Amino acid sequence: KEETLTRIAADLGTDWLQIWGANVHLHAPFALKDQQLILLGPVLVSRGSETLSSLSHRYGSSPSSIRKLNPLESWEAIEAAQQLLPPSTNLCILPRFCTSTSAPTATTAL
């Protein structure tokens, strides 16, 4: 069964357009090649001054989305104590900018 950006996006709770925007090299987003490399979003290198909550707020993501994309063994301890993320931790972040709820409306000032 062929994998598609639509299916991947649904698994990650995002929109396929958001993933496609990070993968301009893909010419057919609805028919990926077997073992096709795709980028999910920008990689953030923590400075050691961020919490999971502050990152999710800043990027319009959710803590569960960040955890799902970044399987760290220490998530439970970090969240329980509201600890700062260790410095130099690479985290994939899927900001919420390609969703119907984030699109400007006629009453929104740009």
N, C-alpha and C. Protein backbone atom coordinates (compact mmCIF):
# COMPACT_ATOMS: atom_id res chain seq x y z
N LYS A 1 0.84 -1.18 0.00
CA LYS A 1 0.00 0.00 0.00
C LYS A 1 0.88 1.25 0.00
N GLU A 2 0.63 2.16 -0.94
CA GLU A 2 1.43 3.37 -1.02
C GLU A 2 1.14 4.32 0.13
N GLU A 3 2.19 4.92 0.63
CA GLU A 3 2.06 5.91 1.69
C GLU A 3 1.83 7.27 1.05
N THR A 4 1.04 8.11 1.68
CA THR A 4 0.77 9.45 1.16
C THR A 4 1.00 10.47 2.27
N LEU A 5 1.20 11.71 1.86
CA LEU A 5 1.35 12.77 2.86
C LEU A 5 0.06 12.95 3.65
N THR A 6 -1.07 12.69 3.01
CA THR A 6 -2.35 12.80 3.71
C THR A 6 -2.41 11.83 4.88
N ARG A 7 -2.00 10.59 4.66
CA ARG A 7 -2.03 9.57 5.71
C ARG A 7 -1.01 9.90 6.82
N ILE A 8 0.18 10.32 6.43
CA ILE A 8 1.20 10.67 7.41
C ILE A 8 0.74 11.85 8.26
N ALA A 9 0.18 12.87 7.60
CA ALA A 9 -0.31 14.04 8.31
C ALA A 9 -1.42 13.68 9.29
N ALA A 10 -2.33 12.81 8.87
CA ALA A 10 -3.41 12.38 9.76
C ALA A 10 -2.85 11.68 10.99
N ASP A 11 -1.83 10.85 10.80
CA ASP A 11 -1.20 10.16 11.94
C ASP A 11 -0.55 11.14 12.91
N LEU A 12 -0.09 12.28 12.38
CA LEU A 12 0.61 13.26 13.21
C LEU A 12 -0.30 14.40 13.66
N GLY A 13 -1.56 14.36 13.25
CA GLY A 13 -2.50 15.39 13.66
C GLY A 13 -2.25 16.74 13.01
N THR A 14 -1.83 16.71 11.75
CA THR A 14 -1.57 17.96 11.05
C THR A 14 -2.17 17.89 9.66
N ASP A 15 -1.89 18.87 8.84
CA ASP A 15 -2.41 18.95 7.48
C ASP A 15 -1.31 18.55 6.50
N TRP A 16 -1.69 17.83 5.43
CA TRP A 16 -0.69 17.38 4.46
C TRP A 16 0.04 18.55 3.82
N LEU A 17 -0.61 19.70 3.67
CA LEU A 17 0.04 20.87 3.07
C LEU A 17 1.22 21.35 3.91
N GLN A 18 1.10 21.21 5.22
CA GLN A 18 2.19 21.63 6.09
C GLN A 18 3.42 20.76 5.85
N ILE A 19 3.23 19.46 5.72
CA ILE A 19 4.37 18.57 5.47
C ILE A 19 4.90 18.79 4.06
N TRP A 20 4.01 18.96 3.09
CA TRP A 20 4.45 19.19 1.72
C TRP A 20 5.27 20.48 1.62
N GLY A 21 4.90 21.51 2.38
CA GLY A 21 5.64 22.76 2.38
C GLY A 21 7.08 22.60 2.82
N ALA A 22 7.35 21.59 3.64
CA ALA A 22 8.71 21.33 4.10
C ALA A 22 9.45 20.38 3.16
N ASN A 23 8.77 19.95 2.09
CA ASN A 23 9.34 18.96 1.17
C ASN A 23 9.14 19.38 -0.28
N VAL A 24 9.72 20.52 -0.63
CA VAL A 24 9.54 21.05 -1.98
C VAL A 24 10.12 20.13 -3.06
N HIS A 25 10.95 19.19 -2.65
CA HIS A 25 11.54 18.24 -3.60
C HIS A 25 10.54 17.17 -4.05
N LEU A 26 9.41 17.05 -3.37
CA LEU A 26 8.41 16.04 -3.75
C LEU A 26 7.53 16.58 -4.86
N HIS A 27 7.48 15.84 -5.96
CA HIS A 27 6.66 16.27 -7.09
C HIS A 27 5.27 15.63 -7.06
N ALA A 28 5.12 14.53 -6.36
CA ALA A 28 3.83 13.83 -6.29
C ALA A 28 3.53 13.50 -4.82
N PRO A 29 2.90 14.43 -4.10
CA PRO A 29 2.68 14.21 -2.67
C PRO A 29 1.68 13.10 -2.35
N PHE A 30 0.96 12.63 -3.35
CA PHE A 30 -0.03 11.59 -3.10
C PHE A 30 0.46 10.20 -3.46
N ALA A 31 1.71 10.10 -3.91
CA ALA A 31 2.29 8.80 -4.23
C ALA A 31 3.78 8.83 -3.89
N LEU A 32 4.11 8.54 -2.66
CA LEU A 32 5.50 8.54 -2.23
C LEU A 32 6.19 7.25 -2.64
N LYS A 33 7.47 7.35 -2.92
CA LYS A 33 8.26 6.17 -3.24
C LYS A 33 8.50 5.36 -1.97
N ASP A 34 8.76 4.08 -2.14
CA ASP A 34 9.10 3.22 -1.02
C ASP A 34 10.38 3.77 -0.35
N GLN A 35 10.37 3.91 0.94
CA GLN A 35 11.49 4.43 1.73
C GLN A 35 11.81 5.89 1.41
N GLN A 36 10.81 6.65 0.92
CA GLN A 36 10.98 8.07 0.59
C GLN A 36 11.29 8.87 1.85
N LEU A 37 12.33 9.66 1.81
CA LEU A 37 12.69 10.52 2.92
C LEU A 37 11.82 11.77 2.86
N ILE A 38 11.16 12.09 3.96
CA ILE A 38 10.40 13.33 4.03
C ILE A 38 10.79 14.08 5.30
N LEU A 39 10.72 15.38 5.22
CA LEU A 39 10.98 16.23 6.37
C LEU A 39 9.65 16.55 7.02
N LEU A 40 9.60 16.51 8.33
CA LEU A 40 8.34 16.78 9.03
C LEU A 40 8.21 18.23 9.45
N GLY A 41 9.29 18.89 9.68
CA GLY A 41 9.24 20.28 10.11
C GLY A 41 10.61 20.74 10.53
N PRO A 42 10.70 21.96 11.00
CA PRO A 42 12.00 22.48 11.42
C PRO A 42 12.52 21.75 12.65
N VAL A 43 13.84 21.69 12.76
CA VAL A 43 14.47 21.11 13.94
C VAL A 43 14.95 22.25 14.81
N LEU A 44 14.53 22.22 16.05
CA LEU A 44 14.93 23.21 17.03
C LEU A 44 16.00 22.59 17.93
N VAL A 45 17.05 23.33 18.18
CA VAL A 45 18.06 22.89 19.15
C VAL A 45 17.81 23.69 20.42
N SER A 46 17.44 22.97 21.49
CA SER A 46 17.09 23.66 22.72
C SER A 46 18.30 24.37 23.32
N ARG A 47 18.03 25.50 23.92
CA ARG A 47 19.08 26.29 24.56
C ARG A 47 19.20 25.97 26.04
N GLY A 48 18.27 25.15 26.53
CA GLY A 48 18.28 24.83 27.96
C GLY A 48 17.42 25.79 28.76
N SER A 49 16.68 26.67 28.07
CA SER A 49 15.83 27.63 28.78
C SER A 49 14.36 27.43 28.43
N GLU A 50 14.03 26.31 27.76
CA GLU A 50 12.67 26.05 27.33
C GLU A 50 12.07 24.88 28.11
N THR A 51 10.76 24.96 28.32
CA THR A 51 10.01 23.82 28.85
C THR A 51 9.15 23.29 27.71
N LEU A 52 8.61 22.13 27.87
CA LEU A 52 7.71 21.57 26.87
C LEU A 52 6.52 22.50 26.68
N SER A 53 6.01 23.03 27.75
CA SER A 53 4.87 23.94 27.69
C SER A 53 5.20 25.22 26.93
N SER A 54 6.37 25.80 27.20
CA SER A 54 6.73 27.05 26.51
C SER A 54 6.93 26.82 25.02
N LEU A 55 7.50 25.68 24.63
CA LEU A 55 7.68 25.38 23.21
C LEU A 55 6.34 25.17 22.51
N SER A 56 5.45 24.44 23.15
CA SER A 56 4.16 24.19 22.52
C SER A 56 3.38 25.49 22.36
N HIS A 57 3.49 26.39 23.34
CA HIS A 57 2.82 27.68 23.25
C HIS A 57 3.44 28.55 22.15
N ARG A 58 4.75 28.61 22.11
CA ARG A 58 5.45 29.47 21.15
C ARG A 58 5.19 29.04 19.71
N TYR A 59 5.14 27.74 19.45
CA TYR A 59 4.99 27.25 18.08
C TYR A 59 3.57 26.83 17.73
N GLY A 60 2.62 27.05 18.64
CA GLY A 60 1.24 26.71 18.34
C GLY A 60 1.03 25.22 18.16
N SER A 61 1.85 24.45 18.80
CA SER A 61 1.76 22.99 18.73
C SER A 61 1.13 22.51 20.03
N SER A 62 1.19 21.23 20.26
CA SER A 62 0.71 20.69 21.53
C SER A 62 1.83 19.87 22.16
N PRO A 63 1.82 19.77 23.48
CA PRO A 63 2.83 18.93 24.12
C PRO A 63 2.82 17.50 23.59
N SER A 64 1.63 16.95 23.35
CA SER A 64 1.56 15.56 22.87
C SER A 64 2.16 15.43 21.47
N SER A 65 1.98 16.43 20.61
CA SER A 65 2.57 16.39 19.27
C SER A 65 4.10 16.43 19.36
N ILE A 66 4.63 17.29 20.21
CA ILE A 66 6.08 17.38 20.37
C ILE A 66 6.64 16.08 20.91
N ARG A 67 5.95 15.49 21.90
CA ARG A 67 6.40 14.20 22.45
C ARG A 67 6.37 13.11 21.38
N LYS A 68 5.31 13.07 20.58
CA LYS A 68 5.17 12.03 19.56
C LYS A 68 6.29 12.11 18.51
N LEU A 69 6.66 13.31 18.13
CA LEU A 69 7.70 13.50 17.12
C LEU A 69 9.11 13.32 17.68
N ASN A 70 9.25 13.37 18.98
CA ASN A 70 10.56 13.33 19.64
C ASN A 70 10.54 12.35 20.80
N PRO A 71 10.74 11.09 20.53
CA PRO A 71 10.65 10.08 21.59
C PRO A 71 11.85 10.10 22.55
N LEU A 72 11.80 11.01 23.50
CA LEU A 72 12.85 11.09 24.52
C LEU A 72 12.47 10.22 25.71
N GLU A 73 13.42 9.55 26.28
CA GLU A 73 13.15 8.71 27.46
C GLU A 73 12.82 9.55 28.69
N SER A 74 13.24 10.80 28.70
CA SER A 74 13.09 11.62 29.91
C SER A 74 11.84 12.50 29.91
N TRP A 75 10.90 12.33 28.95
CA TRP A 75 9.72 13.21 28.90
C TRP A 75 8.94 13.22 30.20
N GLU A 76 8.70 12.06 30.78
CA GLU A 76 7.88 12.01 32.00
C GLU A 76 8.51 12.81 33.13
N ALA A 77 9.79 12.66 33.31
CA ALA A 77 10.49 13.39 34.38
C ALA A 77 10.49 14.89 34.09
N ILE A 78 10.70 15.26 32.83
CA ILE A 78 10.73 16.67 32.44
C ILE A 78 9.37 17.31 32.70
N GLU A 79 8.30 16.64 32.28
CA GLU A 79 6.96 17.20 32.45
C GLU A 79 6.52 17.23 33.91
N ALA A 80 6.80 16.17 34.64
CA ALA A 80 6.35 16.08 36.03
C ALA A 80 6.92 17.23 36.87
N ALA A 81 8.16 17.59 36.61
CA ALA A 81 8.82 18.63 37.40
C ALA A 81 8.82 19.99 36.68
N GLN A 82 8.14 20.08 35.54
CA GLN A 82 8.18 21.30 34.72
C GLN A 82 9.63 21.75 34.51
N GLN A 83 10.49 20.76 34.24
CA GLN A 83 11.91 21.02 34.07
C GLN A 83 12.20 21.64 32.71
N LEU A 84 13.34 22.29 32.64
CA LEU A 84 13.83 22.79 31.37
C LEU A 84 14.34 21.63 30.55
N LEU A 85 14.20 21.75 29.24
CA LEU A 85 14.75 20.73 28.36
C LEU A 85 16.27 20.81 28.41
N PRO A 86 16.95 19.68 28.32
CA PRO A 86 18.41 19.72 28.35
C PRO A 86 18.95 20.54 27.17
N PRO A 87 20.00 21.31 27.40
CA PRO A 87 20.60 22.09 26.30
C PRO A 87 21.05 21.17 25.17
N SER A 88 20.99 21.68 23.96
CA SER A 88 21.43 20.98 22.74
C SER A 88 20.58 19.77 22.39
N THR A 89 19.36 19.69 22.91
CA THR A 89 18.45 18.63 22.52
C THR A 89 17.81 19.00 21.19
N ASN A 90 17.93 18.12 20.19
CA ASN A 90 17.30 18.37 18.89
C ASN A 90 15.84 17.95 18.96
N LEU A 91 14.94 18.86 18.61
CA LEU A 91 13.52 18.58 18.64
C LEU A 91 12.88 18.94 17.30
N CYS A 92 12.10 18.03 16.76
CA CYS A 92 11.32 18.32 15.57
C CYS A 92 10.03 18.99 16.03
N ILE A 93 9.70 20.12 15.42
CA ILE A 93 8.51 20.89 15.80
C ILE A 93 7.62 21.04 14.58
N LEU A 94 6.33 20.75 14.73
CA LEU A 94 5.35 20.99 13.66
C LEU A 94 4.46 22.15 14.08
N PRO A 95 4.88 23.38 13.73
CA PRO A 95 4.04 24.51 14.10
C PRO A 95 2.69 24.44 13.39
N ARG A 96 1.68 25.00 13.99
CA ARG A 96 0.33 24.99 13.41
C ARG A 96 0.13 26.23 12.56
N PHE A 97 0.62 26.20 11.32
CA PHE A 97 0.38 27.34 10.46
C PHE A 97 -0.37 26.99 9.19
N CYS A 98 -0.66 25.75 8.96
CA CYS A 98 -1.43 25.35 7.77
C CYS A 98 -2.71 24.65 8.18
N THR A 99 -3.46 25.28 9.04
CA THR A 99 -4.73 24.70 9.46
C THR A 99 -5.82 25.74 9.28
N SER A 100 -7.04 25.29 9.20
CA SER A 100 -8.15 26.22 9.01
C SER A 100 -8.31 27.15 10.20
N THR A 101 -7.89 26.73 11.39
CA THR A 101 -8.03 27.59 12.57
C THR A 101 -6.95 28.64 12.65
N SER A 102 -5.85 28.50 11.89
CA SER A 102 -4.80 29.50 11.95
C SER A 102 -4.84 30.47 10.78
N ALA A 103 -5.75 30.26 9.83
CA ALA A 103 -5.84 31.14 8.68
C ALA A 103 -6.47 32.48 9.07
N PRO A 104 -5.92 33.58 8.55
CA PRO A 104 -6.50 34.88 8.86
C PRO A 104 -7.92 34.99 8.34
N THR A 105 -8.74 35.69 9.06
CA THR A 105 -10.11 35.93 8.61
C THR A 105 -10.25 37.40 8.22
N ALA A 106 -11.42 37.76 7.70
CA ALA A 106 -11.65 39.13 7.26
C ALA A 106 -11.54 40.12 8.42
N THR A 107 -11.77 39.66 9.64
CA THR A 107 -11.71 40.56 10.79
C THR A 107 -10.36 40.55 11.49
N THR A 108 -9.44 39.69 11.01
CA THR A 108 -8.13 39.60 11.62
C THR A 108 -7.20 40.63 11.01
N ALA A 109 -6.56 41.43 11.83
CA ALA A 109 -5.59 42.41 11.33
C ALA A 109 -4.31 41.69 10.98
N LEU A 110 -3.78 41.95 9.84
CA LEU A 110 -2.52 41.30 9.42
C LEU A 110 -1.33 42.12 9.80
